[in-house]
Amino acid sequence: MTTRRLSALLLACSAATLGACASNVGNAPVPVQPTAASAPATAGKTDVLWLGQAAMRITTPGGKVIVIDPWLTGNPKTPAGFKQLSAIGKVDLILVTHAHGDHLGDAPELAKLNNAPIYTGGGMGNQLVQLGLVPANLSQRFGKSGSVMPFGPTGPKITAVHAEHSSELIYKNPTTGKDEAHYGGEPVGYIIEMENGFKVWHMGDTGLFGDMKLIGDRYKPDLVLIPIGGHFTMGPQDAAIAIRDFVKPKYAIPMHYGTSPMLKGTPDELKAALGTASGTAVVVMEPGMRVGF
């Protein structure tokens, strides 16, 4: 082989290698840094504020504000500044994944305060109306695998998907003063597709299940909000399997841990269980922190 041919071959190999490296870099998630809730939002991004447990306020790139599982006034991890529901600011829509008190939480009060509808994906809505918790015009329902576009064809699209959990609604009867257990529909998670195509999967409370892979393949979420506390949901090891082997999102925000001694899982345990081979960036937040994607 001549020197010229050898040089050309090496140059071609180098170019191919650099191209592969560039491709890999392009597919890697861009690191994000959480900021305080008071920091200004970045226009055109999906802005996620965590308020403890599964409570999230998501501001879409188009400016719509979606609050999910707003357990706030009784949540030991919610920052004091958000114990007043008015501190949440404008709310356009509320999603509740299931009827347990640490998820349904303050949703009825927040809905009435903002005249914002509560969307429930598993049959909880009728019960909220029948118990007098919300007026009928603020209770909207749809079903698993169903999608809604509450703000019209150019707004975010929301799809209800399966979650492996339960959904009892505990209601204190004002006449008897006693707690009653009512049907709370089925637990769900939500895939929220933003106006710019960015997709968030709020998993709600769930155990590990094989169809997470089907959901991941079908909807291809960029970000998962995933429970890791254990006891009632996945712990860090199962959450790692869901992230690494089933869903493979760009980003994951751990949630539903640390609010009680039973929820022992930690983000460090999640990252250790994921190992170094995962292509997912784990974004560890504190309640009251925000991050933009």
C-alpha atoms as a PDB file:
ATOM      1  CA  MET A   1       0.000   0.000   0.000  1.00  0.00           C
ATOM      2  CA  THR A   2       1.377   3.418  -0.952  1.00  0.00           C
ATOM      3  CA  THR A   3       1.887   6.184   1.584  1.00  0.00           C
ATOM      4  CA  ARG A   4      -0.770   8.280  -0.170  1.00  0.00           C
ATOM      5  CA  ARG A   5      -3.356   5.489  -0.057  1.00  0.00           C
ATOM      6  CA  LEU A   6      -2.555   4.776   3.613  1.00  0.00           C
ATOM      7  CA  SER A   7      -2.985   8.461   4.498  1.00  0.00           C
ATOM      8  CA  ALA A   8      -6.308   8.610   2.673  1.00  0.00           C
ATOM      9  CA  LEU A   9      -7.516   5.476   4.463  1.00  0.00           C
ATOM     10  CA  LEU A  10      -6.530   6.864   7.889  1.00  0.00           C
ATOM     11  CA  LEU A  11      -8.245  10.157   7.087  1.00  0.00           C
ATOM     12  CA  ALA A  12     -11.453   8.358   6.076  1.00  0.00           C
ATOM     13  CA  CYS A  13     -11.378   6.269   9.265  1.00  0.00           C
ATOM     14  CA  SER A  14     -10.840   9.374  11.376  1.00  0.00           C
ATOM     15  CA  ALA A  15     -13.757  11.132   9.701  1.00  0.00           C
ATOM     16  CA  ALA A  16     -16.008   8.131  10.272  1.00  0.00           C
ATOM     17  CA  THR A  17     -14.954   7.911  13.907  1.00  0.00           C
ATOM     18  CA  LEU A  18     -15.577  11.614  14.452  1.00  0.00           C
ATOM     19  CA  GLY A  19     -18.968  11.294  12.786  1.00  0.00           C
ATOM     20  CA  ALA A  20     -19.887   8.437  15.101  1.00  0.00           C
ATOM     21  CA  CYS A  21     -18.743  10.457  18.106  1.00  0.00           C
ATOM     22  CA  ALA A  22     -20.772  13.446  16.958  1.00  0.00           C
ATOM     23  CA  SER A  23     -23.796  11.200  16.524  1.00  0.00           C
ATOM     24  CA  ASN A  24     -23.371   9.810  20.005  1.00  0.00           C
ATOM     25  CA  VAL A  25     -23.024  13.284  21.489  1.00  0.00           C
ATOM     26  CA  GLY A  26     -26.143  14.403  19.662  1.00  0.00           C
ATOM     27  CA  ASN A  27     -28.131  11.516  21.142  1.00  0.00           C
ATOM     28  CA  ALA A  28     -26.895  12.105  24.685  1.00  0.00           C
ATOM     29  CA  PRO A  29     -29.165  14.054  27.035  1.00  0.00           C
ATOM     30  CA  VAL A  30     -28.117  17.632  27.665  1.00  0.00           C
ATOM     31  CA  PRO A  31     -27.387  18.118  31.407  1.00  0.00           C
ATOM     32  CA  VAL A  32     -29.937  20.281  33.184  1.00  0.00           C
ATOM     33  CA  GLN A  33     -29.560  22.126  36.473  1.00  0.00           C
ATOM     34  CA  PRO A  34     -32.493  22.635  38.842  1.00  0.00           C
ATOM     35  CA  THR A  35     -33.128  26.199  39.983  1.00  0.00           C
ATOM     36  CA  ALA A  36     -35.221  27.803  42.711  1.00  0.00           C
ATOM     37  CA  ALA A  37     -38.947  28.250  42.143  1.00  0.00           C
ATOM     38  CA  SER A  38     -38.477  32.021  42.130  1.00  0.00           C
ATOM     39  CA  ALA A  39     -36.089  31.936  39.145  1.00  0.00           C
ATOM     40  CA  PRO A  40     -37.584  33.251  35.898  1.00  0.00           C
ATOM     41  CA  ALA A  41     -38.966  30.641  33.522  1.00  0.00           C
ATOM     42  CA  THR A  42     -37.280  30.111  30.171  1.00  0.00           C
ATOM     43  CA  ALA A  43     -39.698  30.911  27.380  1.00  0.00           C
ATOM     44  CA  GLY A  44     -40.419  28.082  24.996  1.00  0.00           C
ATOM     45  CA  LYS A  45     -39.285  25.309  27.366  1.00  0.00           C
ATOM     46  CA  THR A  46     -41.132  22.729  29.416  1.00  0.00           C
ATOM     47  CA  ASP A  47     -40.809  23.993  32.993  1.00  0.00           C
ATOM     48  CA  VAL A  48     -41.223  21.429  35.804  1.00  0.00           C
ATOM     49  CA  LEU A  49     -41.643  22.462  39.452  1.00  0.00           C
ATOM     50  CA  TRP A  50     -41.575  19.687  42.075  1.00  0.00           C
ATOM     51  CA  LEU A  51     -43.523  20.311  45.276  1.00  0.00           C
ATOM     52  CA  GLY A  52     -42.866  17.013  47.090  1.00  0.00           C
ATOM     53  CA  GLN A  53     -44.257  13.472  46.750  1.00  0.00           C
ATOM     54  CA  ALA A  54     -45.879  13.328  43.275  1.00  0.00           C
ATOM     55  CA  ALA A  55     -47.014  16.977  43.134  1.00  0.00           C
ATOM     56  CA  MET A  56     -45.772  18.705  39.990  1.00  0.00           C
ATOM     57  CA  ARG A  57     -46.537  22.001  38.294  1.00  0.00           C
ATOM     58  CA  ILE A  58     -45.712  21.820  34.597  1.00  0.00           C
ATOM     59  CA  THR A  59     -45.716  24.953  32.467  1.00  0.00           C
ATOM     60  CA  THR A  60     -45.822  24.031  28.794  1.00  0.00           C
ATOM     61  CA  PRO A  61     -43.803  25.836  26.103  1.00  0.00           C
ATOM     62  CA  GLY A  62     -47.055  27.548  25.101  1.00  0.00           C
ATOM     63  CA  GLY A  63     -47.667  28.831  28.633  1.00  0.00           C
ATOM     64  CA  LYS A  64     -50.369  26.427  29.832  1.00  0.00           C
ATOM     65  CA  VAL A  65     -50.061  25.433  33.497  1.00  0.00           C
ATOM     66  CA  ILE A  66     -50.852  21.798  34.368  1.00  0.00           C
ATOM     67  CA  VAL A  67     -50.743  20.700  38.010  1.00  0.00           C
ATOM     68  CA  ILE A  68     -50.497  16.980  38.771  1.00  0.00           C
ATOM     69  CA  ASP A  69     -51.381  15.278  42.085  1.00  0.00           C
ATOM     70  CA  PRO A  70     -51.470  18.488  44.155  1.00  0.00           C
ATOM     71  CA  TRP A  71     -51.068  17.216  47.719  1.00  0.00           C
ATOM     72  CA  LEU A  72     -49.727  20.455  49.177  1.00  0.00           C
ATOM     73  CA  THR A  73     -51.264  21.717  52.427  1.00  0.00           C
ATOM     74  CA  GLY A  74     -50.719  18.410  54.228  1.00  0.00           C
ATOM     75  CA  ASN A  75     -47.493  17.430  52.494  1.00  0.00           C
ATOM     76  CA  PRO A  76     -44.500  17.580  54.872  1.00  0.00           C
ATOM     77  CA  LYS A  77     -42.127  18.137  51.933  1.00  0.00           C
ATOM     78  CA  THR A  78     -44.025  20.989  50.278  1.00  0.00           C
ATOM     79  CA  PRO A  79     -42.138  24.250  50.909  1.00  0.00           C
ATOM     80  CA  ALA A  80     -43.917  26.627  53.286  1.00  0.00           C
ATOM     81  CA  GLY A  81     -44.337  29.191  50.524  1.00  0.00           C
ATOM     82  CA  PHE A  82     -46.634  26.826  48.624  1.00  0.00           C
ATOM     83  CA  LYS A  83     -48.862  25.810  51.535  1.00  0.00           C
ATOM     84  CA  GLN A  84     -51.208  28.587  50.418  1.00  0.00           C
ATOM     85  CA  LEU A  85     -52.819  27.296  47.248  1.00  0.00           C
ATOM     86  CA  SER A  86     -52.834  30.763  45.703  1.00  0.00           C
ATOM     87  CA  ALA A  87     -49.013  30.630  45.691  1.00  0.00           C
ATOM     88  CA  ILE A  88     -49.169  28.096  42.846  1.00  0.00           C
ATOM     89  CA  GLY A  89     -50.253  30.933  40.582  1.00  0.00           C
ATOM     90  CA  LYS A  90     -52.371  30.480  37.500  1.00  0.00           C
ATOM     91  CA  VAL A  91     -53.608  26.919  36.966  1.00  0.00           C
ATOM     92  CA  ASP A  92     -55.244  25.918  33.692  1.00  0.00           C
ATOM     93  CA  LEU A  93     -55.777  22.198  34.273  1.00  0.00           C
ATOM     94  CA  ILE A  94     -55.336  19.601  37.020  1.00  0.00           C
ATOM     95  CA  LEU A  95     -54.470  15.923  36.534  1.00  0.00           C
ATOM     96  CA  VAL A  96     -54.948  13.343  39.293  1.00  0.00           C
ATOM     97  CA  THR A  97     -53.399   9.905  38.864  1.00  0.00           C
ATOM     98  CA  HIS A  98     -55.497   8.158  41.535  1.00  0.00           C
ATOM     99  CA  ALA A  99     -57.675   8.847  44.564  1.00  0.00           C
ATOM    100  CA  HIS A 100     -55.265   8.317  47.458  1.00  0.00           C
ATOM    101  CA  GLY A 101     -55.032  11.343  49.716  1.00  0.00           C
ATOM    102  CA  ASP A 102     -51.391  12.066  48.919  1.00  0.00           C
ATOM    103  CA  HIS A 103     -52.335  12.460  45.238  1.00  0.00           C
ATOM    104  CA  LEU A 104     -55.918  13.739  45.115  1.00  0.00           C
ATOM    105  CA  GLY A 105     -54.894  16.000  47.982  1.00  0.00           C
ATOM    106  CA  ASP A 106     -55.921  19.617  47.406  1.00  0.00           C
ATOM    107  CA  ALA A 107     -57.144  19.091  43.835  1.00  0.00           C
ATOM    108  CA  PRO A 108     -60.818  19.984  44.549  1.00  0.00           C
ATOM    109  CA  GLU A 109     -59.896  23.210  46.335  1.00  0.00           C
ATOM    110  CA  LEU A 110     -57.315  24.156  43.695  1.00  0.00           C
ATOM    111  CA  ALA A 111     -59.851  23.479  40.937  1.00  0.00           C
ATOM    112  CA  LYS A 112     -62.485  25.720  42.504  1.00  0.00           C
ATOM    113  CA  LEU A 113     -59.951  28.454  43.285  1.00  0.00           C
ATOM    114  CA  ASN A 114     -58.849  28.631  39.628  1.00  0.00           C
ATOM    115  CA  ASN A 115     -62.013  27.443  37.903  1.00  0.00           C
ATOM    116  CA  ALA A 116     -59.727  24.800  36.421  1.00  0.00           C
ATOM    117  CA  PRO A 117     -61.045  21.369  35.410  1.00  0.00           C
ATOM    118  CA  ILE A 118     -59.768  18.173  37.019  1.00  0.00           C
ATOM    119  CA  TYR A 119     -59.071  15.468  34.451  1.00  0.00           C
ATOM    120  CA  THR A 120     -59.042  11.899  35.745  1.00  0.00           C
ATOM    121  CA  GLY A 121     -58.164   8.991  33.534  1.00  0.00           C
ATOM    122  CA  GLY A 122     -59.623   6.064  35.416  1.00  0.00           C
ATOM    123  CA  GLY A 123     -63.225   6.731  36.459  1.00  0.00           C
ATOM    124  CA  MET A 124     -62.695   8.885  39.563  1.00  0.00           C
ATOM    125  CA  GLY A 125     -64.502  11.925  38.192  1.00  0.00           C
ATOM    126  CA  ASN A 126     -68.082  10.798  38.826  1.00  0.00           C
ATOM    127  CA  GLN A 127     -67.254  10.003  42.431  1.00  0.00           C
ATOM    128  CA  LEU A 128     -65.821  13.480  43.014  1.00  0.00           C
ATOM    129  CA  VAL A 129     -69.088  14.994  41.794  1.00  0.00           C
ATOM    130  CA  GLN A 130     -71.371  12.591  43.664  1.00  0.00           C
ATOM    131  CA  LEU A 131     -69.577  13.300  46.947  1.00  0.00           C
ATOM    132  CA  GLY A 132     -69.929  17.024  46.365  1.00  0.00           C
ATOM    133  CA  LEU A 133     -66.175  17.620  46.214  1.00  0.00           C
ATOM    134  CA  VAL A 134     -66.303  19.445  42.865  1.00  0.00           C
ATOM    135  CA  PRO A 135     -69.095  20.754  40.642  1.00  0.00           C
ATOM    136  CA  ALA A 136     -69.836  18.735  37.537  1.00  0.00           C
ATOM    137  CA  ASN A 137     -68.357  21.325  35.169  1.00  0.00           C
ATOM    138  CA  LEU A 138     -64.937  20.937  36.812  1.00  0.00           C
ATOM    139  CA  SER A 139     -64.786  17.138  36.534  1.00  0.00           C
ATOM    140  CA  GLN A 140     -63.618  15.727  33.214  1.00  0.00           C
ATOM    141  CA  ARG A 141     -62.863  12.097  32.573  1.00  0.00           C
ATOM    142  CA  PHE A 142     -61.310   9.850  29.960  1.00  0.00           C
ATOM    143  CA  GLY A 143     -59.905   6.337  29.894  1.00  0.00           C
ATOM    144  CA  LYS A 144     -56.642   4.453  29.638  1.00  0.00           C
ATOM    145  CA  SER A 145     -55.124   4.776  26.155  1.00  0.00           C
ATOM    146  CA  GLY A 146     -57.514   7.654  25.515  1.00  0.00           C
ATOM    147  CA  SER A 147     -56.118  11.062  24.611  1.00  0.00           C
ATOM    148  CA  VAL A 148     -57.507  14.549  25.157  1.00  0.00           C
ATOM    149  CA  MET A 149     -56.479  17.973  23.882  1.00  0.00           C
ATOM    150  CA  PRO A 150     -58.171  20.301  26.378  1.00  0.00           C
ATOM    151  CA  PHE A 151     -56.730  23.481  24.835  1.00  0.00           C
ATOM    152  CA  GLY A 152     -57.501  22.667  21.228  1.00  0.00           C
ATOM    153  CA  PRO A 153     -55.588  21.106  18.330  1.00  0.00           C
ATOM    154  CA  THR A 154     -52.452  23.228  18.812  1.00  0.00           C
ATOM    155  CA  GLY A 155     -52.207  22.693  22.567  1.00  0.00           C
ATOM    156  CA  PRO A 156     -50.658  19.883  24.636  1.00  0.00           C
ATOM    157  CA  LYS A 157     -51.988  16.351  24.206  1.00  0.00           C
ATOM    158  CA  ILE A 158     -52.604  14.175  27.268  1.00  0.00           C
ATOM    159  CA  THR A 159     -52.896  10.382  27.203  1.00  0.00           C
ATOM    160  CA  ALA A 160     -53.851   8.194  30.163  1.00  0.00           C
ATOM    161  CA  VAL A 161     -51.783   5.013  30.515  1.00  0.00           C
ATOM    162  CA  HIS A 162     -51.687   2.077  32.886  1.00  0.00           C
ATOM    163  CA  ALA A 163     -50.288   2.201  36.420  1.00  0.00           C
ATOM    164  CA  GLU A 164     -49.957  -0.817  38.711  1.00  0.00           C
ATOM    165  CA  HIS A 165     -51.526   0.374  41.976  1.00  0.00           C
ATOM    166  CA  SER A 166     -54.885   0.876  43.758  1.00  0.00           C
ATOM    167  CA  SER A 167     -57.200   3.882  44.083  1.00  0.00           C
ATOM    168  CA  GLU A 168     -59.452   3.999  47.149  1.00  0.00           C
ATOM    169  CA  LEU A 169     -61.038   7.379  47.868  1.00  0.00           C
ATOM    170  CA  ILE A 170     -61.234   8.035  51.609  1.00  0.00           C
ATOM    171  CA  TYR A 171     -63.943  10.593  52.360  1.00  0.00           C
ATOM    172  CA  LYS A 172     -64.817  12.057  55.742  1.00  0.00           C
ATOM    173  CA  ASN A 173     -68.607  12.142  55.913  1.00  0.00           C
ATOM    174  CA  PRO A 174     -69.570  15.575  57.282  1.00  0.00           C
ATOM    175  CA  THR A 175     -72.751  14.151  58.822  1.00  0.00           C
ATOM    176  CA  THR A 176     -71.206  11.248  60.737  1.00  0.00           C
ATOM    177  CA  GLY A 177     -67.661  12.585  61.067  1.00  0.00           C
ATOM    178  CA  LYS A 178     -66.393   9.148  60.041  1.00  0.00           C
ATOM    179  CA  ASP A 179     -64.080   8.163  57.203  1.00  0.00           C
ATOM    180  CA  GLU A 180     -65.656   6.204  54.374  1.00  0.00           C
ATOM    181  CA  ALA A 181     -63.927   4.268  51.603  1.00  0.00           C
ATOM    182  CA  HIS A 182     -65.349   4.942  48.132  1.00  0.00           C
ATOM    183  CA  TYR A 183     -64.572   3.754  44.616  1.00  0.00           C
ATOM    184  CA  GLY A 184     -61.776   5.903  43.253  1.00  0.00           C
ATOM    185  CA  GLY A 185     -61.520   4.620  39.707  1.00  0.00           C
ATOM    186  CA  GLU A 186     -58.360   2.984  38.403  1.00  0.00           C
ATOM    187  CA  PRO A 187     -54.833   4.339  38.858  1.00  0.00           C
ATOM    188  CA  VAL A 188     -53.217   5.830  35.782  1.00  0.00           C
ATOM    189  CA  GLY A 189     -50.135   7.646  34.598  1.00  0.00           C
ATOM    190  CA  TYR A 190     -50.150  10.467  32.068  1.00  0.00           C
ATOM    191  CA  ILE A 191     -48.171  11.051  28.899  1.00  0.00           C
ATOM    192  CA  ILE A 192     -48.172  14.796  28.218  1.00  0.00           C
ATOM    193  CA  GLU A 193     -46.998  15.826  24.765  1.00  0.00           C
ATOM    194  CA  MET A 194     -46.092  19.502  24.693  1.00  0.00           C
ATOM    195  CA  GLU A 195     -46.773  21.933  21.869  1.00  0.00           C
ATOM    196  CA  ASN A 196     -43.190  21.442  20.627  1.00  0.00           C
ATOM    197  CA  GLY A 197     -43.329  17.620  20.795  1.00  0.00           C
ATOM    198  CA  PHE A 198     -41.434  17.150  24.092  1.00  0.00           C
ATOM    199  CA  LYS A 199     -43.099  14.321  26.055  1.00  0.00           C
ATOM    200  CA  VAL A 200     -43.372  13.830  29.815  1.00  0.00           C
ATOM    201  CA  TRP A 201     -44.607  10.634  31.479  1.00  0.00           C
ATOM    202  CA  HIS A 202     -45.847  11.214  35.017  1.00  0.00           C
ATOM    203  CA  MET A 203     -46.064   7.626  36.225  1.00  0.00           C
ATOM    204  CA  GLY A 204     -48.186   8.314  39.316  1.00  0.00           C
ATOM    205  CA  ASP A 205     -47.898   5.525  41.869  1.00  0.00           C
ATOM    206  CA  THR A 206     -46.939   2.272  40.214  1.00  0.00           C
ATOM    207  CA  GLY A 207     -45.099  -0.979  40.579  1.00  0.00           C
ATOM    208  CA  LEU A 208     -42.924  -2.356  37.824  1.00  0.00           C
ATOM    209  CA  PHE A 209     -44.872  -3.970  34.967  1.00  0.00           C
ATOM    210  CA  GLY A 210     -43.805  -5.360  31.613  1.00  0.00           C
ATOM    211  CA  ASP A 211     -45.990  -3.087  29.487  1.00  0.00           C
ATOM    212  CA  MET A 212     -43.876  -0.124  30.537  1.00  0.00           C
ATOM    213  CA  LYS A 213     -41.788  -1.192  27.560  1.00  0.00           C
ATOM    214  CA  LEU A 214     -44.834  -1.084  25.290  1.00  0.00           C
ATOM    215  CA  ILE A 215     -45.761   2.373  26.589  1.00  0.00           C
ATOM    216  CA  GLY A 216     -42.177   3.535  26.155  1.00  0.00           C
ATOM    217  CA  ASP A 217     -41.995   2.183  22.605  1.00  0.00           C
ATOM    218  CA  ARG A 218     -45.386   3.649  21.704  1.00  0.00           C
ATOM    219  CA  TYR A 219     -45.060   7.153  23.148  1.00  0.00           C
ATOM    220  CA  LYS A 220     -41.274   7.606  23.459  1.00  0.00           C
ATOM    221  CA  PRO A 221     -41.279   9.963  26.465  1.00  0.00           C
ATOM    222  CA  ASP A 222     -38.307  12.298  26.789  1.00  0.00           C
ATOM    223  CA  LEU A 223     -38.755  12.692  30.554  1.00  0.00           C
ATOM    224  CA  VAL A 224     -40.207  10.331  33.152  1.00  0.00           C
ATOM    225  CA  LEU A 225     -41.338  11.439  36.606  1.00  0.00           C
ATOM    226  CA  ILE A 226     -40.867   8.161  38.444  1.00  0.00           C
ATOM    227  CA  PRO A 227     -41.642   6.933  41.974  1.00  0.00           C
ATOM    228  CA  ILE A 228     -38.690   5.389  43.820  1.00  0.00           C
ATOM    229  CA  GLY A 229     -39.705   5.281  47.498  1.00  0.00           C
ATOM    230  CA  GLY A 230     -40.726   1.633  47.669  1.00  0.00           C
ATOM    231  CA  HIS A 231     -43.308   0.041  50.021  1.00  0.00           C
ATOM    232  CA  PHE A 232     -46.305   1.281  47.971  1.00  0.00           C
ATOM    233  CA  THR A 233     -44.502   1.752  44.635  1.00  0.00           C
ATOM    234  CA  MET A 234     -41.307   0.794  42.865  1.00  0.00           C
ATOM    235  CA  GLY A 235     -38.127   1.118  44.845  1.00  0.00           C
ATOM    236  CA  PRO A 236     -34.853   2.285  43.298  1.00  0.00           C
ATOM    237  CA  GLN A 237     -33.934  -1.123  41.847  1.00  0.00           C
ATOM    238  CA  ASP A 238     -37.250  -1.628  40.051  1.00  0.00           C
ATOM    239  CA  ALA A 239     -37.274   2.005  38.933  1.00  0.00           C
ATOM    240  CA  ALA A 240     -33.823   1.447  37.419  1.00  0.00           C
ATOM    241  CA  ILE A 241     -35.139  -1.515  35.429  1.00  0.00           C
ATOM    242  CA  ALA A 242     -38.045   0.592  34.182  1.00  0.00           C
ATOM    243  CA  ILE A 243     -35.711   3.394  33.091  1.00  0.00           C
ATOM    244  CA  ARG A 244     -32.788   1.395  31.677  1.00  0.00           C
ATOM    245  CA  ASP A 245     -34.482  -1.654  30.202  1.00  0.00           C
ATOM    246  CA  PHE A 246     -38.059  -0.620  29.376  1.00  0.00           C
ATOM    247  CA  VAL A 247     -38.538   3.104  28.760  1.00  0.00           C
ATOM    248  CA  LYS A 248     -35.046   4.527  28.031  1.00  0.00           C
ATOM    249  CA  PRO A 249     -35.947   8.218  28.348  1.00  0.00           C
ATOM    250  CA  LYS A 250     -33.461  11.060  28.021  1.00  0.00           C
ATOM    251  CA  TYR A 251     -34.229  12.284  31.539  1.00  0.00           C
ATOM    252  CA  ALA A 252     -35.717  10.948  34.766  1.00  0.00           C
ATOM    253  CA  ILE A 253     -36.803  12.868  37.857  1.00  0.00           C
ATOM    254  CA  PRO A 254     -37.243  10.650  40.933  1.00  0.00           C
ATOM    255  CA  MET A 255     -40.281  11.409  43.113  1.00  0.00           C
ATOM    256  CA  HIS A 256     -42.502   9.862  45.802  1.00  0.00           C
ATOM    257  CA  TYR A 257     -39.777   9.287  48.376  1.00  0.00           C
ATOM    258  CA  GLY A 258     -38.764  10.709  51.727  1.00  0.00           C
ATOM    259  CA  THR A 259     -42.194  11.920  52.871  1.00  0.00           C
ATOM    260  CA  SER A 260     -42.585   9.098  55.399  1.00  0.00           C
ATOM    261  CA  PRO A 261     -40.237   6.522  56.979  1.00  0.00           C
ATOM    262  CA  MET A 262     -41.774   3.820  54.756  1.00  0.00           C
ATOM    263  CA  LEU A 263     -40.637   5.524  51.545  1.00  0.00           C
ATOM    264  CA  LYS A 264     -36.955   4.694  51.990  1.00  0.00           C
ATOM    265  CA  GLY A 265     -35.662   4.735  48.424  1.00  0.00           C
ATOM    266  CA  THR A 266     -33.199   7.487  47.509  1.00  0.00           C
ATOM    267  CA  PRO A 267     -31.916   9.047  44.285  1.00  0.00           C
ATOM    268  CA  ASP A 268     -28.396   7.816  45.096  1.00  0.00           C
ATOM    269  CA  GLU A 269     -29.703   4.250  45.231  1.00  0.00           C
ATOM    270  CA  LEU A 270     -31.464   4.795  41.915  1.00  0.00           C
ATOM    271  CA  LYS A 271     -28.294   6.064  40.247  1.00  0.00           C
ATOM    272  CA  ALA A 272     -26.273   3.174  41.675  1.00  0.00           C
ATOM    273  CA  ALA A 273     -28.848   0.664  40.401  1.00  0.00           C
ATOM    274  CA  LEU A 274     -28.846   2.280  36.942  1.00  0.00           C
ATOM    275  CA  GLY A 275     -25.092   1.947  36.633  1.00  0.00           C
ATOM    276  CA  THR A 276     -22.929   3.733  34.111  1.00  0.00           C
ATOM    277  CA  ALA A 277     -24.383   2.126  30.985  1.00  0.00           C
ATOM    278  CA  SER A 278     -27.684   3.994  31.115  1.00  0.00           C
ATOM    279  CA  GLY A 279     -28.166   6.815  28.637  1.00  0.00           C
ATOM    280  CA  THR A 280     -30.653   8.545  30.955  1.00  0.00           C
ATOM    281  CA  ALA A 281     -29.705  11.655  32.908  1.00  0.00           C
ATOM    282  CA  VAL A 282     -31.173  11.488  36.436  1.00  0.00           C
ATOM    283  CA  VAL A 283     -32.202  14.982  37.537  1.00  0.00           C
ATOM    284  CA  VAL A 284     -32.280  15.095  41.339  1.00  0.00           C
ATOM    285  CA  MET A 285     -34.445  17.887  42.691  1.00  0.00           C
ATOM    286  CA  GLU A 286     -35.496  19.246  46.061  1.00  0.00           C
ATOM    287  CA  PRO A 287     -39.108  20.291  46.632  1.00  0.00           C
ATOM    288  CA  GLY A 288     -39.475  23.872  45.488  1.00  0.00           C
ATOM    289  CA  MET A 289     -36.913  23.459  42.703  1.00  0.00           C
ATOM    290  CA  ARG A 290     -37.627  23.868  38.999  1.00  0.00           C
ATOM    291  CA  VAL A 291     -35.981  22.649  35.856  1.00  0.00           C
ATOM    292  CA  GLY A 292     -36.529  23.533  32.204  1.00  0.00           C
ATOM    293  CA  PHE A 293     -36.209  21.143  29.269  1.00  0.00           C
END
